[in-house]
PDB file of N, CA and C in Angstrom:
ATOM      1  N   MET A   1      -3.343 -52.980  93.393  1.00  0.00           N
ATOM      2  CA  MET A   1      -2.164 -54.188  94.086  1.00  0.00           C
ATOM      3  C   MET A   1      -1.380 -54.678  92.688  1.00  0.00           C
ATOM      4  N   ALA A   2      -0.589 -55.067  92.981  1.00  0.00           N
ATOM      5  CA  ALA A   2       0.766 -55.434  92.304  1.00  0.00           C
ATOM      6  C   ALA A   2       0.676 -57.296  92.407  1.00  0.00           C
ATOM      7  N   ASP A   3       0.740 -57.823  91.408  1.00  0.00           N
ATOM      8  CA  ASP A   3       0.457 -59.493  91.325  1.00  0.00           C
ATOM      9  C   ASP A   3       1.644 -59.847  91.164  1.00  0.00           C
ATOM     10  N   LYS A   4       2.930 -60.171  91.948  1.00  0.00           N
ATOM     11  CA  LYS A   4       3.797 -60.872  92.117  1.00  0.00           C
ATOM     12  C   LYS A   4       3.837 -62.195  91.091  1.00  0.00           C
ATOM     13  N   GLU A   5       2.476 -63.208  90.633  1.00  0.00           N
ATOM     14  CA  GLU A   5       2.548 -64.120  90.391  1.00  0.00           C
ATOM     15  C   GLU A   5       1.970 -63.484  88.530  1.00  0.00           C
ATOM     16  N   ASN A   6       2.157 -62.592  88.973  1.00  0.00           N
ATOM     17  CA  ASN A   6       2.136 -61.662  87.289  1.00  0.00           C
ATOM     18  C   ASN A   6       3.250 -60.761  87.106  1.00  0.00           C
ATOM     19  N   LYS A   7       3.861 -61.074  87.440  1.00  0.00           N
ATOM     20  CA  LYS A   7       5.384 -60.097  87.427  1.00  0.00           C
ATOM     21  C   LYS A   7       5.994 -60.056  85.477  1.00  0.00           C
ATOM     22  N   VAL A   8       6.042 -58.822  85.441  1.00  0.00           N
ATOM     23  CA  VAL A   8       6.542 -59.645  84.150  1.00  0.00           C
ATOM     24  C   VAL A   8       8.067 -59.942  83.735  1.00  0.00           C
ATOM     25  N   ALA A   9       8.427 -60.379  82.834  1.00  0.00           N
ATOM     26  CA  ALA A   9       9.849 -61.329  82.781  1.00  0.00           C
ATOM     27  C   ALA A   9      11.296 -60.654  82.696  1.00  0.00           C
ATOM     28  N   GLU A  10      10.895 -59.624  82.678  1.00  0.00           N
ATOM     29  CA  GLU A  10      12.201 -58.934  82.601  1.00  0.00           C
ATOM     30  C   GLU A  10      12.504 -58.326  84.138  1.00  0.00           C
ATOM     31  N   ASN A  11      12.233 -57.971  84.947  1.00  0.00           N
ATOM     32  CA  ASN A  11      12.112 -57.664  86.564  1.00  0.00           C
ATOM     33  C   ASN A  11      13.201 -58.489  86.661  1.00  0.00           C
ATOM     34  N   VAL A  12      14.608 -58.110  87.719  1.00  0.00           N
ATOM     35  CA  VAL A  12      15.500 -59.291  88.011  1.00  0.00           C
ATOM     36  C   VAL A  12      14.848 -59.569  89.506  1.00  0.00           C
ATOM     37  N   SER A  13      15.265 -60.330  89.541  1.00  0.00           N
ATOM     38  CA  SER A  13      14.756 -60.646  90.877  1.00  0.00           C
ATOM     39  C   SER A  13      15.400 -59.567  92.529  1.00  0.00           C
ATOM     40  N   GLY A  14      14.038 -59.796  93.326  1.00  0.00           N
ATOM     41  CA  GLY A  14      14.458 -59.016  94.570  1.00  0.00           C
ATOM     42  C   GLY A  14      13.048 -58.912  94.928  1.00  0.00           C
ATOM     43  N   ALA A  15      12.929 -57.488  96.160  1.00  0.00           N
ATOM     44  CA  ALA A  15      11.886 -56.870  96.351  1.00  0.00           C
ATOM     45  C   ALA A  15      10.705 -56.127  95.421  1.00  0.00           C
ATOM     46  N   TYR A  16      11.226 -55.114  94.604  1.00  0.00           N
ATOM     47  CA  TYR A  16      10.458 -54.464  93.410  1.00  0.00           C
ATOM     48  C   TYR A  16       9.998 -55.238  92.729  1.00  0.00           C
ATOM     49  N   TYR A  17       8.828 -55.035  91.782  1.00  0.00           N
ATOM     50  CA  TYR A  17       8.971 -55.525  90.672  1.00  0.00           C
ATOM     51  C   TYR A  17       7.406 -55.102  90.110  1.00  0.00           C
ATOM     52  N   VAL A  18       7.617 -55.330  89.144  1.00  0.00           N
ATOM     53  CA  VAL A  18       6.475 -54.644  87.661  1.00  0.00           C
ATOM     54  C   VAL A  18       5.615 -55.719  87.355  1.00  0.00           C
ATOM     55  N   ASP A  19       4.904 -55.786  87.491  1.00  0.00           N
ATOM     56  CA  ASP A  19       3.412 -56.685  86.790  1.00  0.00           C
ATOM     57  C   ASP A  19       2.393 -56.662  85.605  1.00  0.00           C
ATOM     58  N   GLU A  20       1.995 -57.526  84.971  1.00  0.00           N
ATOM     59  CA  GLU A  20       1.282 -57.341  84.287  1.00  0.00           C
ATOM     60  C   GLU A  20       0.151 -56.028  83.402  1.00  0.00           C
ATOM     61  N   GLN A  21      -0.424 -55.567  85.006  1.00  0.00           N
ATOM     62  CA  GLN A  21      -0.975 -54.338  84.747  1.00  0.00           C
ATOM     63  C   GLN A  21      -0.260 -53.555  84.364  1.00  0.00           C
ATOM     64  N   CYS A  22       0.930 -53.023  84.014  1.00  0.00           N
ATOM     65  CA  CYS A  22       1.911 -51.421  83.728  1.00  0.00           C
ATOM     66  C   CYS A  22       0.929 -51.187  82.533  1.00  0.00           C
ATOM     67  N   ILE A  23       0.466 -49.963  82.454  1.00  0.00           N
ATOM     68  CA  ILE A  23       0.224 -49.634  81.071  1.00  0.00           C
ATOM     69  C   ILE A  23       1.792 -48.229  80.621  1.00  0.00           C
ATOM     70  N   ALA A  24       2.825 -48.700  80.409  1.00  0.00           N
ATOM     71  CA  ALA A  24       3.620 -47.912  79.802  1.00  0.00           C
ATOM     72  C   ALA A  24       3.962 -46.686  80.220  1.00  0.00           C
ATOM     73  N   CYS A  25       3.188 -46.031  81.266  1.00  0.00           N
ATOM     74  CA  CYS A  25       3.112 -44.760  81.694  1.00  0.00           C
ATOM     75  C   CYS A  25       4.883 -43.148  81.988  1.00  0.00           C
ATOM     76  N   GLU A  26       5.304 -44.594  82.656  1.00  0.00           N
ATOM     77  CA  GLU A  26       6.574 -43.877  82.609  1.00  0.00           C
ATOM     78  C   GLU A  26       7.020 -43.228  83.490  1.00  0.00           C
ATOM     79  N   VAL A  27       5.692 -43.308  84.541  1.00  0.00           N
ATOM     80  CA  VAL A  27       5.834 -42.463  86.010  1.00  0.00           C
ATOM     81  C   VAL A  27       6.887 -43.294  86.754  1.00  0.00           C
ATOM     82  N   CYS A  28       7.019 -44.472  86.853  1.00  0.00           N
ATOM     83  CA  CYS A  28       7.843 -45.120  87.344  1.00  0.00           C
ATOM     84  C   CYS A  28       9.803 -44.845  87.016  1.00  0.00           C
ATOM     85  N   VAL A  29      10.312 -44.964  85.848  1.00  0.00           N
ATOM     86  CA  VAL A  29      10.555 -44.335  85.369  1.00  0.00           C
ATOM     87  C   VAL A  29      11.685 -42.989  85.533  1.00  0.00           C
ATOM     88  N   ASN A  30      10.541 -41.999  85.828  1.00  0.00           N
ATOM     89  CA  ASN A  30      10.640 -40.778  85.651  1.00  0.00           C
ATOM     90  C   ASN A  30      10.860 -40.543  87.407  1.00  0.00           C
ATOM     91  N   GLU A  31      10.189 -41.078  88.035  1.00  0.00           N
ATOM     92  CA  GLU A  31      10.878 -41.318  90.183  1.00  0.00           C
ATOM     93  C   GLU A  31      11.947 -41.899  89.785  1.00  0.00           C
ATOM     94  N   ALA A  32      12.948 -43.159  89.250  1.00  0.00           N
ATOM     95  CA  ALA A  32      13.199 -43.855  89.913  1.00  0.00           C
ATOM     96  C   ALA A  32      14.084 -44.299  88.573  1.00  0.00           C
ATOM     97  N   PRO A  33      14.970 -43.603  87.495  1.00  0.00           N
ATOM     98  CA  PRO A  33      15.615 -43.713  86.572  1.00  0.00           C
ATOM     99  C   PRO A  33      16.909 -45.092  87.128  1.00  0.00           C
ATOM    100  N   ASP A  34      17.698 -45.140  87.990  1.00  0.00           N
ATOM    101  CA  ASP A  34      18.458 -46.190  88.268  1.00  0.00           C
ATOM    102  C   ASP A  34      18.226 -47.462  88.849  1.00  0.00           C
ATOM    103  N   ASN A  35      16.455 -46.944  88.572  1.00  0.00           N
ATOM    104  CA  ASN A  35      16.558 -48.709  89.084  1.00  0.00           C
ATOM    105  C   ASN A  35      15.165 -49.076  88.016  1.00  0.00           C
ATOM    106  N   PHE A  36      14.665 -48.223  87.335  1.00  0.00           N
ATOM    107  CA  PHE A  36      13.074 -48.565  86.005  1.00  0.00           C
ATOM    108  C   PHE A  36      13.312 -48.525  85.115  1.00  0.00           C
ATOM    109  N   LYS A  37      13.023 -49.085  83.787  1.00  0.00           N
ATOM    110  CA  LYS A  37      13.135 -48.579  82.647  1.00  0.00           C
ATOM    111  C   LYS A  37      12.029 -49.684  81.899  1.00  0.00           C
ATOM    112  N   MET A  38      11.328 -48.619  81.076  1.00  0.00           N
ATOM    113  CA  MET A  38      10.726 -48.854  80.012  1.00  0.00           C
ATOM    114  C   MET A  38      11.231 -50.385  79.037  1.00  0.00           C
ATOM    115  N   SER A  39      10.059 -51.151  78.469  1.00  0.00           N
ATOM    116  CA  SER A  39      10.810 -52.326  77.897  1.00  0.00           C
ATOM    117  C   SER A  39      11.655 -51.687  75.921  1.00  0.00           C
ATOM    118  N   ASP A  40      12.181 -52.918  75.748  1.00  0.00           N
ATOM    119  CA  ASP A  40      12.530 -52.369  73.945  1.00  0.00           C
ATOM    120  C   ASP A  40      11.177 -51.699  73.442  1.00  0.00           C
ATOM    121  N   ASP A  41       9.809 -52.522  73.697  1.00  0.00           N
ATOM    122  CA  ASP A  41       9.474 -52.115  72.609  1.00  0.00           C
ATOM    123  C   ASP A  41       8.533 -51.144  72.789  1.00  0.00           C
ATOM    124  N   GLY A  42       8.331 -50.239  74.762  1.00  0.00           N
ATOM    125  CA  GLY A  42       7.818 -49.168  75.257  1.00  0.00           C
ATOM    126  C   GLY A  42       6.508 -49.963  76.081  1.00  0.00           C
ATOM    127  N   ALA A  43       5.950 -51.135  75.991  1.00  0.00           N
ATOM    128  CA  ALA A  43       4.950 -51.986  76.179  1.00  0.00           C
ATOM    129  C   ALA A  43       4.222 -51.907  77.837  1.00  0.00           C
ATOM    130  N   TYR A  44       5.609 -51.762  78.445  1.00  0.00           N
ATOM    131  CA  TYR A  44       5.576 -51.828  79.883  1.00  0.00           C
ATOM    132  C   TYR A  44       7.474 -51.334  80.679  1.00  0.00           C
ATOM    133  N   ALA A  45       7.096 -51.080  81.789  1.00  0.00           N
ATOM    134  CA  ALA A  45       8.112 -50.413  82.571  1.00  0.00           C
ATOM    135  C   ALA A  45       8.733 -52.400  83.064  1.00  0.00           C
ATOM    136  N   PHE A  46       9.738 -52.468  83.824  1.00  0.00           N
ATOM    137  CA  PHE A  46      10.656 -52.863  84.936  1.00  0.00           C
ATOM    138  C   PHE A  46      11.474 -53.366  85.442  1.00  0.00           C
ATOM    139  N   VAL A  47      11.635 -53.844  86.551  1.00  0.00           N
ATOM    140  CA  VAL A  47      12.610 -53.158  87.615  1.00  0.00           C
ATOM    141  C   VAL A  47      14.262 -53.658  86.975  1.00  0.00           C
ATOM    142  N   PHE A  48      15.144 -52.849  86.339  1.00  0.00           N
ATOM    143  CA  PHE A  48      16.404 -53.755  86.016  1.00  0.00           C
ATOM    144  C   PHE A  48      17.606 -53.607  87.209  1.00  0.00           C
ATOM    145  N   LYS A  49      17.219 -52.678  88.073  1.00  0.00           N
ATOM    146  CA  LYS A  49      17.897 -52.701  89.353  1.00  0.00           C
ATOM    147  C   LYS A  49      17.593 -52.100  90.339  1.00  0.00           C
ATOM    148  N   GLN A  50      17.811 -53.614  91.634  1.00  0.00           N
ATOM    149  CA  GLN A  50      16.880 -53.369  92.704  1.00  0.00           C
ATOM    150  C   GLN A  50      17.900 -52.308  93.682  1.00  0.00           C
ATOM    151  N   PRO A  51      17.164 -51.605  94.652  1.00  0.00           N
ATOM    152  CA  PRO A  51      17.481 -49.943  95.226  1.00  0.00           C
ATOM    153  C   PRO A  51      18.669 -50.787  95.923  1.00  0.00           C
ATOM    154  N   GLU A  52      20.337 -49.873  96.200  1.00  0.00           N
ATOM    155  CA  GLU A  52      20.863 -50.280  96.795  1.00  0.00           C
ATOM    156  C   GLU A  52      21.285 -49.304  98.096  1.00  0.00           C
ATOM    157  N   SER A  53      20.839 -48.246  97.940  1.00  0.00           N
ATOM    158  CA  SER A  53      20.746 -47.173  98.890  1.00  0.00           C
ATOM    159  C   SER A  53      19.049 -46.590  99.173  1.00  0.00           C
ATOM    160  N   ASP A  54      19.597 -46.338 100.384  1.00  0.00           N
ATOM    161  CA  ASP A  54      18.344 -45.611 100.685  1.00  0.00           C
ATOM    162  C   ASP A  54      17.486 -44.477 100.277  1.00  0.00           C
ATOM    163  N   GLU A  55      18.331 -43.913  98.887  1.00  0.00           N
ATOM    164  CA  GLU A  55      17.847 -42.731  97.738  1.00  0.00           C
ATOM    165  C   GLU A  55      17.573 -43.755  96.841  1.00  0.00           C
ATOM    166  N   GLU A  56      17.772 -44.828  96.435  1.00  0.00           N
ATOM    167  CA  GLU A  56      16.891 -45.681  95.634  1.00  0.00           C
ATOM    168  C   GLU A  56      16.128 -46.330  96.159  1.00  0.00           C
ATOM    169  N   LYS A  57      16.026 -46.730  97.191  1.00  0.00           N
ATOM    170  CA  LYS A  57      14.771 -47.373  98.037  1.00  0.00           C
ATOM    171  C   LYS A  57      13.432 -46.214  98.290  1.00  0.00           C
ATOM    172  N   GLU A  58      13.900 -45.181  98.658  1.00  0.00           N
ATOM    173  CA  GLU A  58      13.333 -43.936  98.629  1.00  0.00           C
ATOM    174  C   GLU A  58      12.252 -43.310  97.271  1.00  0.00           C
ATOM    175  N   ALA A  59      13.245 -43.659  96.006  1.00  0.00           N
ATOM    176  CA  ALA A  59      12.926 -42.993  94.301  1.00  0.00           C
ATOM    177  C   ALA A  59      11.892 -44.362  94.201  1.00  0.00           C
ATOM    178  N   CYS A  60      11.957 -45.492  94.660  1.00  0.00           N
ATOM    179  CA  CYS A  60      11.132 -46.825  94.821  1.00  0.00           C
ATOM    180  C   CYS A  60      10.195 -46.951  94.967  1.00  0.00           C
ATOM    181  N   GLN A  61       9.967 -46.465  96.504  1.00  0.00           N
ATOM    182  CA  GLN A  61       8.785 -46.319  97.321  1.00  0.00           C
ATOM    183  C   GLN A  61       7.707 -45.133  96.598  1.00  0.00           C
ATOM    184  N   ALA A  62       8.245 -43.677  95.741  1.00  0.00           N
ATOM    185  CA  ALA A  62       7.546 -42.797  95.378  1.00  0.00           C
ATOM    186  C   ALA A  62       7.535 -43.682  93.935  1.00  0.00           C
ATOM    187  N   ALA A  63       7.558 -44.462  93.174  1.00  0.00           N
ATOM    188  CA  ALA A  63       7.152 -44.541  91.642  1.00  0.00           C
ATOM    189  C   ALA A  63       6.385 -45.530  92.429  1.00  0.00           C
ATOM    190  N   LEU A  64       6.593 -46.535  93.405  1.00  0.00           N
ATOM    191  CA  LEU A  64       5.266 -47.288  93.614  1.00  0.00           C
ATOM    192  C   LEU A  64       3.999 -46.599  94.330  1.00  0.00           C
ATOM    193  N   ALA A  65       4.421 -45.628  94.624  1.00  0.00           N
ATOM    194  CA  ALA A  65       3.168 -44.266  95.010  1.00  0.00           C
ATOM    195  C   ALA A  65       1.919 -44.192  94.220  1.00  0.00           C
ATOM    196  N   SER A  66       3.335 -43.745  93.074  1.00  0.00           N
ATOM    197  CA  SER A  66       2.892 -42.526  92.141  1.00  0.00           C
ATOM    198  C   SER A  66       2.018 -43.678  90.810  1.00  0.00           C
ATOM    199  N   CYS A  67       2.526 -45.231  91.297  1.00  0.00           N
ATOM    200  CA  CYS A  67       1.999 -45.902  89.417  1.00  0.00           C
ATOM    201  C   CYS A  67       0.069 -45.492  89.728  1.00  0.00           C
ATOM    202  N   PRO A  68      -0.455 -45.499  88.910  1.00  0.00           N
ATOM    203  CA  PRO A  68      -1.865 -45.153  88.587  1.00  0.00           C
ATOM    204  C   PRO A  68      -2.143 -46.526  88.470  1.00  0.00           C
ATOM    205  N   VAL A  69      -1.518 -47.549  87.838  1.00  0.00           N
ATOM    206  CA  VAL A  69      -2.677 -48.777  88.044  1.00  0.00           C
ATOM    207  C   VAL A  69      -1.875 -50.158  88.907  1.00  0.00           C
ATOM    208  N   ASP A  70      -1.561 -49.387  90.020  1.00  0.00           N
ATOM    209  CA  ASP A  70      -0.883 -50.217  91.161  1.00  0.00           C
ATOM    210  C   ASP A  70      -0.146 -51.625  90.336  1.00  0.00           C
ATOM    211  N   ALA A  71       0.910 -51.433  89.468  1.00  0.00           N
ATOM    212  CA  ALA A  71       1.562 -52.605  88.673  1.00  0.00           C
ATOM    213  C   ALA A  71       2.778 -52.478  89.280  1.00  0.00           C
ATOM    214  N   ILE A  72       2.884 -51.826  90.425  1.00  0.00           N
ATOM    215  CA  ILE A  72       4.144 -52.191  91.128  1.00  0.00           C
ATOM    216  C   ILE A  72       4.878 -52.981  92.547  1.00  0.00           C
ATOM    217  N   GLY A  73       4.560 -53.965  92.719  1.00  0.00           N
ATOM    218  CA  GLY A  73       5.044 -54.273  93.742  1.00  0.00           C
ATOM    219  C   GLY A  73       6.327 -54.952  94.745  1.00  0.00           C
ATOM    220  N   ASP A  74       6.072 -54.185  95.765  1.00  0.00           N
ATOM    221  CA  ASP A  74       7.486 -54.464  96.872  1.00  0.00           C
ATOM    222  C   ASP A  74       6.707 -55.634  98.280  1.00  0.00           C
ATOM    223  N   ASP A  75       7.691 -56.685  97.639  1.00  0.00           N
ATOM    224  CA  ASP A  75       7.385 -57.628  98.239  1.00  0.00           C
ATOM    225  C   ASP A  75       8.392 -57.735  99.694  1.00  0.00           C
ATOM    226  N   GLY A  76       9.634 -56.434  99.781  1.00  0.00           N
ATOM    227  CA  GLY A  76      10.901 -56.387 100.808  1.00  0.00           C
ATOM    228  C   GLY A  76       9.874 -56.475 102.371  1.00  0.00           C
TER     229      GLY A  76
END
């Protein structure tokens, strides 16, 4: 389960976030490329844009469900 106390710094403010458990597998980036991207050094992913449509929310939920280490949180 993602920990909001350990969010990576690049996350934009909002319901979805990635925490420090991320293993850089890129699953979230593949599931929701309009909302997640990798850090410049490729060490972890983060939320660069919160979902603005139902389609983006569904993609973010799919990313959350697919994360192998439960590093994605949803406080919405």
